[in-house]
C-alpha cells in the first residue's frame, strides 16, 4: 500500500492543493482508540466513531488529514501501524503528532484519577516533532507538547529554540499544530492540564503574530476559540467523546464524533469550522 505520510513524502516538495485559491486541511483529534475495536471508552466506541469519520472524509475534497494527538489509549507500534494504514487507505497526505496518551501507559484506572499510575513510553517515530511542511503559500509547523508519563503538556527547550529559529526565517503566513492548549478554555479541570510553560511559548511566538494566523490544538474535546497576543487558538472536538464545556470536574457528552475543517487561503487569511458525523 502506498505511504501517504506527508512528513516523509514532502520533505522538499511543497504540499499541493486541489483548489486554485486555498489549501484544505482536516483536523481530527483525541481518537482514544482501543486495541479491541469492539471496546468502549467513556460511553462511546472509538473505532466505530473513527470509521464513520474516515468514511465521511472519503467523500470530501481536502488536501491533508492532520491528527493532533491522543490517538491510542493503548499505544504500541502495532497499533500505530494499524491506524496509519487506515489513513493511507484514504489516498491523501496525512500527519500525526503525539498527545499525552500516546506516550503514557495508564495503569490502575479503576482507582480514583489521582491514584492512577502513569508509565512513560517513547513516542512512535512517525509522530511529528519540530517539523515544517510547506504549501505554495503557507507554512505548517508541527510541535510535540506531550510529556511522557504525564497528563499535562509542555513545550520543551529544544522546541522553543526551534520555533525561535524558524519563525524569523520567513514572512509567509503560518499555522501551528500541537496537542495541548496554551490558553485556558474555561473548563477548569482541562485548563490545569494544558501547556505548563505556556508563558515561555508565547514569549517566543508573540513577536511573530503578523505571521502566525492561528494555533490548532487537541486535548480539549471541545470546539473552542480563544486568543492571546493577536493569535487565535482553536481547539478541535474529539473523534471519540466530547467533554462538557465549563465544568469544574470531568464530565462527558455522548454525541456524534466531530472534526475541524481548515481552509488556508492564498491571500494569507483562513476559515475554519467543525462538522459532526453520523455514526451508522
C-alpha atoms as a PDB file:
ATOM      1  CA  UNK A   1       0.000   0.000   0.000  1.00  0.00           C
ATOM      2  CA  UNK A   2       1.372   3.478  -0.842  1.00  0.00           C
ATOM      3  CA  UNK A   3       2.624   5.610   2.051  1.00  0.00           C
ATOM      4  CA  UNK A   4       0.878   8.980   2.382  1.00  0.00           C
ATOM      5  CA  UNK A   5       2.718  10.263   5.483  1.00  0.00           C
ATOM      6  CA  UNK A   6       3.228  13.864   4.374  1.00  0.00           C
ATOM      7  CA  UNK A   7       6.306  14.338   6.558  1.00  0.00           C
ATOM      8  CA  UNK A   8       8.026  11.632   4.525  1.00  0.00           C
ATOM      9  CA  UNK A   9       6.777  12.451   1.029  1.00  0.00           C
ATOM     10  CA  UNK A  10       7.012  16.249   1.272  1.00  0.00           C
ATOM     11  CA  UNK A  11      10.434  16.725   2.824  1.00  0.00           C
ATOM     12  CA  UNK A  12      11.466  19.027  -0.022  1.00  0.00           C
ATOM     13  CA  UNK A  13       8.460  19.337  -2.326  1.00  0.00           C
ATOM     14  CA  UNK A  14       5.527  21.529  -1.350  1.00  0.00           C
ATOM     15  CA  UNK A  15       2.201  20.063  -0.257  1.00  0.00           C
ATOM     16  CA  UNK A  16      -0.134  20.501  -3.262  1.00  0.00           C
ATOM     17  CA  UNK A  17      -3.617  21.993  -3.043  1.00  0.00           C
ATOM     18  CA  UNK A  18      -6.569  20.760  -5.105  1.00  0.00           C
ATOM     19  CA  UNK A  19      -8.352  24.131  -5.175  1.00  0.00           C
ATOM     20  CA  UNK A  20      -6.967  27.118  -7.033  1.00  0.00           C
ATOM     21  CA  UNK A  21      -7.323  29.572  -4.161  1.00  0.00           C
ATOM     22  CA  UNK A  22      -6.896  27.656  -0.878  1.00  0.00           C
ATOM     23  CA  UNK A  23      -5.292  24.707   0.908  1.00  0.00           C
ATOM     24  CA  UNK A  24      -7.880  22.436   2.530  1.00  0.00           C
ATOM     25  CA  UNK A  25      -6.971  20.647   5.777  1.00  0.00           C
ATOM     26  CA  UNK A  26      -8.920  18.302   8.036  1.00  0.00           C
ATOM     27  CA  UNK A  27      -8.013  18.115  11.731  1.00  0.00           C
ATOM     28  CA  UNK A  28      -9.062  15.144  13.835  1.00  0.00           C
ATOM     29  CA  UNK A  29      -8.069  14.692  17.447  1.00  0.00           C
ATOM     30  CA  UNK A  30      -8.457  12.579  20.557  1.00  0.00           C
ATOM     31  CA  UNK A  31      -9.390   9.305  18.920  1.00  0.00           C
ATOM     32  CA  UNK A  32      -8.647   7.289  22.103  1.00  0.00           C
ATOM     33  CA  UNK A  33      -8.595   4.032  20.176  1.00  0.00           C
ATOM     34  CA  UNK A  34      -8.511   0.707  21.997  1.00  0.00           C
ATOM     35  CA  UNK A  35      -6.746  -2.451  20.862  1.00  0.00           C
ATOM     36  CA  UNK A  36     -10.081  -4.272  20.995  1.00  0.00           C
ATOM     37  CA  UNK A  37     -12.103  -2.486  18.284  1.00  0.00           C
ATOM     38  CA  UNK A  38     -15.362  -3.518  19.945  1.00  0.00           C
ATOM     39  CA  UNK A  39     -14.447  -1.967  23.317  1.00  0.00           C
ATOM     40  CA  UNK A  40     -15.989   1.225  24.682  1.00  0.00           C
ATOM     41  CA  UNK A  41     -14.293   4.357  26.019  1.00  0.00           C
ATOM     42  CA  UNK A  42     -16.310   6.745  28.223  1.00  0.00           C
ATOM     43  CA  UNK A  43     -19.560   5.510  26.732  1.00  0.00           C
ATOM     44  CA  UNK A  44     -18.615   5.565  23.041  1.00  0.00           C
ATOM     45  CA  UNK A  45     -16.961   3.139  20.639  1.00  0.00           C
ATOM     46  CA  UNK A  46     -13.804   4.861  19.364  1.00  0.00           C
ATOM     47  CA  UNK A  47     -13.115   2.504  16.442  1.00  0.00           C
ATOM     48  CA  UNK A  48     -16.681   2.860  15.201  1.00  0.00           C
ATOM     49  CA  UNK A  49     -16.509   6.644  15.526  1.00  0.00           C
ATOM     50  CA  UNK A  50     -13.222   6.813  13.624  1.00  0.00           C
ATOM     51  CA  UNK A  51     -14.538   4.564  10.856  1.00  0.00           C
ATOM     52  CA  UNK A  52     -17.535   6.875  10.419  1.00  0.00           C
ATOM     53  CA  UNK A  53     -15.315   9.961  10.261  1.00  0.00           C
ATOM     54  CA  UNK A  54     -12.908   8.426   7.739  1.00  0.00           C
ATOM     55  CA  UNK A  55     -15.825   7.248   5.600  1.00  0.00           C
ATOM     56  CA  UNK A  56     -17.238  10.777   5.605  1.00  0.00           C
ATOM     57  CA  UNK A  57     -13.853  12.229   4.687  1.00  0.00           C
ATOM     58  CA  UNK A  58     -13.674   9.826   1.764  1.00  0.00           C
ATOM     59  CA  UNK A  59     -16.497  11.846   0.222  1.00  0.00           C
ATOM     60  CA  UNK A  60     -14.808  15.185   0.942  1.00  0.00           C
ATOM     61  CA  UNK A  61     -12.286  17.140  -1.087  1.00  0.00           C
ATOM     62  CA  UNK A  62      -9.293  18.030   1.077  1.00  0.00           C
ATOM     63  CA  UNK A  63      -5.517  18.182   0.773  1.00  0.00           C
ATOM     64  CA  UNK A  64      -4.236  16.678   4.042  1.00  0.00           C
ATOM     65  CA  UNK A  65      -5.508  14.971   7.185  1.00  0.00           C
ATOM     66  CA  UNK A  66      -3.885  16.094  10.449  1.00  0.00           C
ATOM     67  CA  UNK A  67      -4.322  14.040  13.637  1.00  0.00           C
ATOM     68  CA  UNK A  68      -3.403  16.074  16.704  1.00  0.00           C
ATOM     69  CA  UNK A  69      -2.789  13.514  19.405  1.00  0.00           C
ATOM     70  CA  UNK A  70      -4.317  11.099  21.890  1.00  0.00           C
ATOM     71  CA  UNK A  71      -4.634   8.611  19.082  1.00  0.00           C
ATOM     72  CA  UNK A  72      -4.399   5.482  21.237  1.00  0.00           C
ATOM     73  CA  UNK A  73      -5.370   4.616  24.795  1.00  0.00           C
ATOM     74  CA  UNK A  74      -3.030   1.621  24.432  1.00  0.00           C
ATOM     75  CA  UNK A  75      -0.104   2.895  22.359  1.00  0.00           C
ATOM     76  CA  UNK A  76       2.109   0.338  20.628  1.00  0.00           C
ATOM     77  CA  UNK A  77       3.937   0.067  17.334  1.00  0.00           C
ATOM     78  CA  UNK A  78       1.386  -2.455  16.073  1.00  0.00           C
ATOM     79  CA  UNK A  79      -1.498  -0.156  16.954  1.00  0.00           C
ATOM     80  CA  UNK A  80       0.091   2.833  15.235  1.00  0.00           C
ATOM     81  CA  UNK A  81       0.793   0.617  12.205  1.00  0.00           C
ATOM     82  CA  UNK A  82      -2.896  -0.242  12.027  1.00  0.00           C
ATOM     83  CA  UNK A  83      -4.063   3.358  12.376  1.00  0.00           C
ATOM     84  CA  UNK A  84      -1.646   4.772   9.832  1.00  0.00           C
ATOM     85  CA  UNK A  85      -2.623   2.024   7.395  1.00  0.00           C
ATOM     86  CA  UNK A  86      -6.209   3.260   7.764  1.00  0.00           C
ATOM     87  CA  UNK A  87      -5.054   6.782   6.972  1.00  0.00           C
ATOM     88  CA  UNK A  88      -3.183   5.503   3.911  1.00  0.00           C
ATOM     89  CA  UNK A  89      -6.370   3.944   2.516  1.00  0.00           C
ATOM     90  CA  UNK A  90      -7.791   7.455   2.098  1.00  0.00           C
ATOM     91  CA  UNK A  91      -5.156   8.167  -0.531  1.00  0.00           C
ATOM     92  CA  UNK A  92      -4.446  11.655   0.810  1.00  0.00           C
ATOM     93  CA  UNK A  93      -1.425  13.041   2.671  1.00  0.00           C
ATOM     94  CA  UNK A  94      -1.668  12.783   6.452  1.00  0.00           C
ATOM     95  CA  UNK A  95       0.355  13.748   9.502  1.00  0.00           C
ATOM     96  CA  UNK A  96       0.087  12.925  13.203  1.00  0.00           C
ATOM     97  CA  UNK A  97       1.524  14.307  16.423  1.00  0.00           C
ATOM     98  CA  UNK A  98       1.630  12.865  19.927  1.00  0.00           C
ATOM     99  CA  UNK A  99      -0.772  13.522  22.746  1.00  0.00           C
ATOM    100  CA  UNK A 100      -0.213  12.547  26.350  1.00  0.00           C
ATOM    101  CA  UNK A 101      -1.948   9.185  25.877  1.00  0.00           C
ATOM    102  CA  UNK A 102       0.390   8.310  23.004  1.00  0.00           C
ATOM    103  CA  UNK A 103       3.443   8.445  25.297  1.00  0.00           C
ATOM    104  CA  UNK A 104       1.925   7.177  28.542  1.00  0.00           C
ATOM    105  CA  UNK A 105       0.533   3.846  29.705  1.00  0.00           C
ATOM    106  CA  UNK A 106      -2.173   4.398  32.307  1.00  0.00           C
ATOM    107  CA  UNK A 107      -2.495   1.664  34.922  1.00  0.00           C
ATOM    108  CA  UNK A 108      -4.865   1.141  37.865  1.00  0.00           C
ATOM    109  CA  UNK A 109      -7.537   3.175  36.099  1.00  0.00           C
ATOM    110  CA  UNK A 110     -10.205   1.533  38.266  1.00  0.00           C
ATOM    111  CA  UNK A 111      -8.943   3.757  41.096  1.00  0.00           C
ATOM    112  CA  UNK A 112      -9.512   7.484  41.575  1.00  0.00           C
ATOM    113  CA  UNK A 113      -7.838   9.647  38.906  1.00  0.00           C
ATOM    114  CA  UNK A 114      -5.197  10.884  41.351  1.00  0.00           C
ATOM    115  CA  UNK A 115      -4.188   7.270  42.111  1.00  0.00           C
ATOM    116  CA  UNK A 116      -3.588   6.138  38.534  1.00  0.00           C
ATOM    117  CA  UNK A 117      -0.085   5.034  37.645  1.00  0.00           C
ATOM    118  CA  UNK A 118       1.327   6.649  34.514  1.00  0.00           C
ATOM    119  CA  UNK A 119       4.219   4.842  32.881  1.00  0.00           C
ATOM    120  CA  UNK A 120       6.235   6.844  30.327  1.00  0.00           C
ATOM    121  CA  UNK A 121       6.925   5.283  26.924  1.00  0.00           C
ATOM    122  CA  UNK A 122       8.757   6.573  23.876  1.00  0.00           C
ATOM    123  CA  UNK A 123       6.829   8.293  21.115  1.00  0.00           C
ATOM    124  CA  UNK A 124       6.337   6.462  17.836  1.00  0.00           C
ATOM    125  CA  UNK A 125       8.890   7.823  15.375  1.00  0.00           C
ATOM    126  CA  UNK A 126       6.170   8.660  12.844  1.00  0.00           C
ATOM    127  CA  UNK A 127       4.631  11.230  15.181  1.00  0.00           C
ATOM    128  CA  UNK A 128       5.873  14.665  14.199  1.00  0.00           C
ATOM    129  CA  UNK A 129       8.005  16.891  16.386  1.00  0.00           C
ATOM    130  CA  UNK A 130       9.562  20.170  15.293  1.00  0.00           C
ATOM    131  CA  UNK A 131       8.573  19.699  11.675  1.00  0.00           C
ATOM    132  CA  UNK A 132       7.896  22.276   8.969  1.00  0.00           C
ATOM    133  CA  UNK A 133       5.720  21.367   5.981  1.00  0.00           C
ATOM    134  CA  UNK A 134       5.165  23.956   3.275  1.00  0.00           C
ATOM    135  CA  UNK A 135       2.483  24.514   0.679  1.00  0.00           C
ATOM    136  CA  UNK A 136       2.704  27.052  -2.118  1.00  0.00           C
ATOM    137  CA  UNK A 137       1.519  29.864   0.162  1.00  0.00           C
ATOM    138  CA  UNK A 138       1.632  28.609   3.767  1.00  0.00           C
ATOM    139  CA  UNK A 139       3.977  27.135   6.369  1.00  0.00           C
ATOM    140  CA  UNK A 140       2.589  24.396   8.632  1.00  0.00           C
ATOM    141  CA  UNK A 141       4.516  23.956  11.899  1.00  0.00           C
ATOM    142  CA  UNK A 142       4.051  20.791  13.970  1.00  0.00           C
ATOM    143  CA  UNK A 143       5.236  20.668  17.583  1.00  0.00           C
ATOM    144  CA  UNK A 144       5.058  17.991  20.268  1.00  0.00           C
ATOM    145  CA  UNK A 145       3.712  19.139  23.640  1.00  0.00           C
ATOM    146  CA  UNK A 146       3.451  15.660  25.166  1.00  0.00           C
ATOM    147  CA  UNK A 147       5.461  14.755  28.262  1.00  0.00           C
ATOM    148  CA  UNK A 148       5.897  11.012  28.686  1.00  0.00           C
ATOM    149  CA  UNK A 149       4.253   9.757  31.851  1.00  0.00           C
ATOM    150  CA  UNK A 150       2.248  12.941  32.430  1.00  0.00           C
ATOM    151  CA  UNK A 151      -1.200  14.224  31.531  1.00  0.00           C
ATOM    152  CA  UNK A 152      -0.289  17.908  31.265  1.00  0.00           C
ATOM    153  CA  UNK A 153       1.857  19.221  28.445  1.00  0.00           C
ATOM    154  CA  UNK A 154       4.909  21.399  27.931  1.00  0.00           C
ATOM    155  CA  UNK A 155       6.916  22.904  25.097  1.00  0.00           C
ATOM    156  CA  UNK A 156      10.433  21.662  25.734  1.00  0.00           C
ATOM    157  CA  UNK A 157      13.571  23.761  25.371  1.00  0.00           C
ATOM    158  CA  UNK A 158      14.501  22.184  22.040  1.00  0.00           C
ATOM    159  CA  UNK A 159      11.113  23.079  20.588  1.00  0.00           C
ATOM    160  CA  UNK A 160      11.232  26.626  21.934  1.00  0.00           C
ATOM    161  CA  UNK A 161      14.656  27.021  20.327  1.00  0.00           C
ATOM    162  CA  UNK A 162      13.374  25.548  17.059  1.00  0.00           C
ATOM    163  CA  UNK A 163      10.450  27.991  16.975  1.00  0.00           C
ATOM    164  CA  UNK A 164      12.756  30.900  17.798  1.00  0.00           C
ATOM    165  CA  UNK A 165      14.990  29.861  14.908  1.00  0.00           C
ATOM    166  CA  UNK A 166      12.398  29.079  12.246  1.00  0.00           C
ATOM    167  CA  UNK A 167       9.851  31.859  12.742  1.00  0.00           C
ATOM    168  CA  UNK A 168      12.189  34.733  11.713  1.00  0.00           C
ATOM    169  CA  UNK A 169      13.249  32.917   8.541  1.00  0.00           C
ATOM    170  CA  UNK A 170      10.161  33.873   6.529  1.00  0.00           C
ATOM    171  CA  UNK A 171       7.241  36.273   6.384  1.00  0.00           C
ATOM    172  CA  UNK A 172       4.922  33.648   4.887  1.00  0.00           C
ATOM    173  CA  UNK A 173       1.680  33.071   6.789  1.00  0.00           C
ATOM    174  CA  UNK A 174       1.868  30.061   9.065  1.00  0.00           C
ATOM    175  CA  UNK A 175      -0.200  27.952  11.429  1.00  0.00           C
ATOM    176  CA  UNK A 176       0.994  25.826  14.339  1.00  0.00           C
ATOM    177  CA  UNK A 177      -0.388  22.401  15.275  1.00  0.00           C
ATOM    178  CA  UNK A 178       0.007  20.944  18.782  1.00  0.00           C
ATOM    179  CA  UNK A 179      -1.876  18.687  21.171  1.00  0.00           C
ATOM    180  CA  UNK A 180      -2.113  20.603  24.453  1.00  0.00           C
ATOM    181  CA  UNK A 181      -3.714  24.061  24.632  1.00  0.00           C
ATOM    182  CA  UNK A 182      -1.554  27.051  25.538  1.00  0.00           C
ATOM    183  CA  UNK A 183      -4.538  29.089  26.711  1.00  0.00           C
ATOM    184  CA  UNK A 184      -7.360  28.435  29.162  1.00  0.00           C
ATOM    185  CA  UNK A 185     -10.662  27.439  27.572  1.00  0.00           C
ATOM    186  CA  UNK A 186     -12.837  27.992  30.639  1.00  0.00           C
ATOM    187  CA  UNK A 187     -13.132  24.369  31.761  1.00  0.00           C
ATOM    188  CA  UNK A 188     -11.057  24.299  34.965  1.00  0.00           C
ATOM    189  CA  UNK A 189     -10.021  20.652  35.057  1.00  0.00           C
ATOM    190  CA  UNK A 190      -8.898  20.806  31.410  1.00  0.00           C
ATOM    191  CA  UNK A 191      -7.139  24.125  31.928  1.00  0.00           C
ATOM    192  CA  UNK A 192      -4.969  22.515  34.613  1.00  0.00           C
ATOM    193  CA  UNK A 193      -3.726  20.021  32.008  1.00  0.00           C
ATOM    194  CA  UNK A 194      -2.590  22.492  29.352  1.00  0.00           C
ATOM    195  CA  UNK A 195       0.926  23.557  28.423  1.00  0.00           C
ATOM    196  CA  UNK A 196       2.592  24.152  31.788  1.00  0.00           C
ATOM    197  CA  UNK A 197       5.138  26.629  30.412  1.00  0.00           C
ATOM    198  CA  UNK A 198       2.687  28.493  28.209  1.00  0.00           C
ATOM    199  CA  UNK A 199       4.259  31.852  29.099  1.00  0.00           C
ATOM    200  CA  UNK A 200       7.546  30.737  27.549  1.00  0.00           C
ATOM    201  CA  UNK A 201       5.740  29.595  24.410  1.00  0.00           C
ATOM    202  CA  UNK A 202       4.018  32.949  23.988  1.00  0.00           C
ATOM    203  CA  UNK A 203       7.237  34.848  24.654  1.00  0.00           C
ATOM    204  CA  UNK A 204       8.748  33.082  21.643  1.00  0.00           C
ATOM    205  CA  UNK A 205       5.804  33.259  19.233  1.00  0.00           C
ATOM    206  CA  UNK A 206       4.134  36.578  20.138  1.00  0.00           C
ATOM    207  CA  UNK A 207       6.708  38.715  18.251  1.00  0.00           C
ATOM    208  CA  UNK A 208       5.609  36.895  15.086  1.00  0.00           C
ATOM    209  CA  UNK A 209       1.883  37.495  15.452  1.00  0.00           C
ATOM    210  CA  UNK A 210       1.746  39.008  11.971  1.00  0.00           C
ATOM    211  CA  UNK A 211       2.961  35.663  10.574  1.00  0.00           C
ATOM    212  CA  UNK A 212       1.087  33.244  12.798  1.00  0.00           C
ATOM    213  CA  UNK A 213      -2.536  33.142  11.729  1.00  0.00           C
ATOM    214  CA  UNK A 214      -3.621  30.527  14.291  1.00  0.00           C
ATOM    215  CA  UNK A 215      -2.653  27.697  16.605  1.00  0.00           C
ATOM    216  CA  UNK A 216      -4.716  24.495  16.306  1.00  0.00           C
ATOM    217  CA  UNK A 217      -4.776  22.091  19.272  1.00  0.00           C
ATOM    218  CA  UNK A 218      -6.480  18.970  20.570  1.00  0.00           C
ATOM    219  CA  UNK A 219      -6.842  17.631  24.146  1.00  0.00           C
ATOM    220  CA  UNK A 220      -9.867  19.799  24.922  1.00  0.00           C
ATOM    221  CA  UNK A 221     -12.522  17.513  23.349  1.00  0.00           C
ATOM    222  CA  UNK A 222     -14.454  20.710  22.585  1.00  0.00           C
ATOM    223  CA  UNK A 223     -14.595  23.278  19.811  1.00  0.00           C
ATOM    224  CA  UNK A 224     -13.327  26.481  21.406  1.00  0.00           C
ATOM    225  CA  UNK A 225     -11.698  29.677  20.156  1.00  0.00           C
ATOM    226  CA  UNK A 226      -9.616  31.938  22.383  1.00  0.00           C
ATOM    227  CA  UNK A 227      -6.866  34.433  21.590  1.00  0.00           C
ATOM    228  CA  UNK A 228      -3.681  35.931  23.004  1.00  0.00           C
ATOM    229  CA  UNK A 229      -1.233  38.425  21.538  1.00  0.00           C
ATOM    230  CA  UNK A 230      -3.413  38.728  18.456  1.00  0.00           C
ATOM    231  CA  UNK A 231      -3.134  34.995  17.703  1.00  0.00           C
ATOM    232  CA  UNK A 232      -6.209  32.767  17.752  1.00  0.00           C
ATOM    233  CA  UNK A 233      -6.111  29.286  19.274  1.00  0.00           C
ATOM    234  CA  UNK A 234      -8.712  26.809  18.038  1.00  0.00           C
ATOM    235  CA  UNK A 235      -9.366  23.522  19.807  1.00  0.00           C
ATOM    236  CA  UNK A 236     -10.710  20.506  17.972  1.00  0.00           C
ATOM    237  CA  UNK A 237     -13.719  18.483  19.071  1.00  0.00           C
ATOM    238  CA  UNK A 238     -12.974  14.809  19.537  1.00  0.00           C
ATOM    239  CA  UNK A 239     -13.430  11.879  17.243  1.00  0.00           C
ATOM    240  CA  UNK A 240     -14.273   9.910  20.401  1.00  0.00           C
ATOM    241  CA  UNK A 241     -16.222  11.540  23.251  1.00  0.00           C
ATOM    242  CA  UNK A 242     -16.848  15.252  23.844  1.00  0.00           C
ATOM    243  CA  UNK A 243     -16.098  16.889  27.198  1.00  0.00           C
ATOM    244  CA  UNK A 244     -18.798  19.097  28.674  1.00  0.00           C
ATOM    245  CA  UNK A 245     -17.659  22.736  28.474  1.00  0.00           C
ATOM    246  CA  UNK A 246     -17.150  24.949  31.524  1.00  0.00           C
ATOM    247  CA  UNK A 247     -17.450  22.206  34.156  1.00  0.00           C
ATOM    248  CA  UNK A 248     -15.281  22.145  37.273  1.00  0.00           C
ATOM    249  CA  UNK A 249     -14.834  18.373  37.113  1.00  0.00           C
ATOM    250  CA  UNK A 250     -14.659  15.670  34.457  1.00  0.00           C
ATOM    251  CA  UNK A 251     -17.929  15.363  32.537  1.00  0.00           C
ATOM    252  CA  UNK A 252     -18.670  13.994  29.083  1.00  0.00           C
ATOM    253  CA  UNK A 253     -21.290  14.373  26.387  1.00  0.00           C
ATOM    254  CA  UNK A 254     -22.237  11.297  24.362  1.00  0.00           C
ATOM    255  CA  UNK A 255     -22.674  12.922  20.974  1.00  0.00           C
ATOM    256  CA  UNK A 256     -21.569  12.398  17.402  1.00  0.00           C
ATOM    257  CA  UNK A 257     -17.869  12.396  16.502  1.00  0.00           C
ATOM    258  CA  UNK A 258     -16.609  15.633  15.024  1.00  0.00           C
ATOM    259  CA  UNK A 259     -13.699  17.034  13.050  1.00  0.00           C
ATOM    260  CA  UNK A 260     -12.399  20.503  12.228  1.00  0.00           C
ATOM    261  CA  UNK A 261     -12.058  21.760   8.669  1.00  0.00           C
ATOM    262  CA  UNK A 262      -9.488  24.434   7.856  1.00  0.00           C
ATOM    263  CA  UNK A 263      -9.144  26.445   4.668  1.00  0.00           C
ATOM    264  CA  UNK A 264      -5.894  28.362   4.253  1.00  0.00           C
ATOM    265  CA  UNK A 265      -6.479  30.918   1.526  1.00  0.00           C
ATOM    266  CA  UNK A 266      -3.745  32.021  -0.844  1.00  0.00           C
ATOM    267  CA  UNK A 267      -4.338  35.568   0.405  1.00  0.00           C
ATOM    268  CA  UNK A 268      -2.996  34.659   3.870  1.00  0.00           C
ATOM    269  CA  UNK A 269      -6.362  34.505   5.622  1.00  0.00           C
ATOM    270  CA  UNK A 270      -8.116  31.405   6.893  1.00  0.00           C
ATOM    271  CA  UNK A 271     -11.554  29.985   7.561  1.00  0.00           C
ATOM    272  CA  UNK A 272     -12.350  27.143   9.940  1.00  0.00           C
ATOM    273  CA  UNK A 273     -15.287  25.340  11.489  1.00  0.00           C
ATOM    274  CA  UNK A 274     -16.370  21.948  12.780  1.00  0.00           C
ATOM    275  CA  UNK A 275     -18.590  19.200  11.440  1.00  0.00           C
ATOM    276  CA  UNK A 276     -20.463  16.353  13.101  1.00  0.00           C
ATOM    277  CA  UNK A 277     -20.530  12.895  11.544  1.00  0.00           C
ATOM    278  CA  UNK A 278     -23.436  10.475  11.765  1.00  0.00           C
ATOM    279  CA  UNK A 279     -22.441   7.051  13.080  1.00  0.00           C
ATOM    280  CA  UNK A 280     -24.366   4.274  11.371  1.00  0.00           C
END
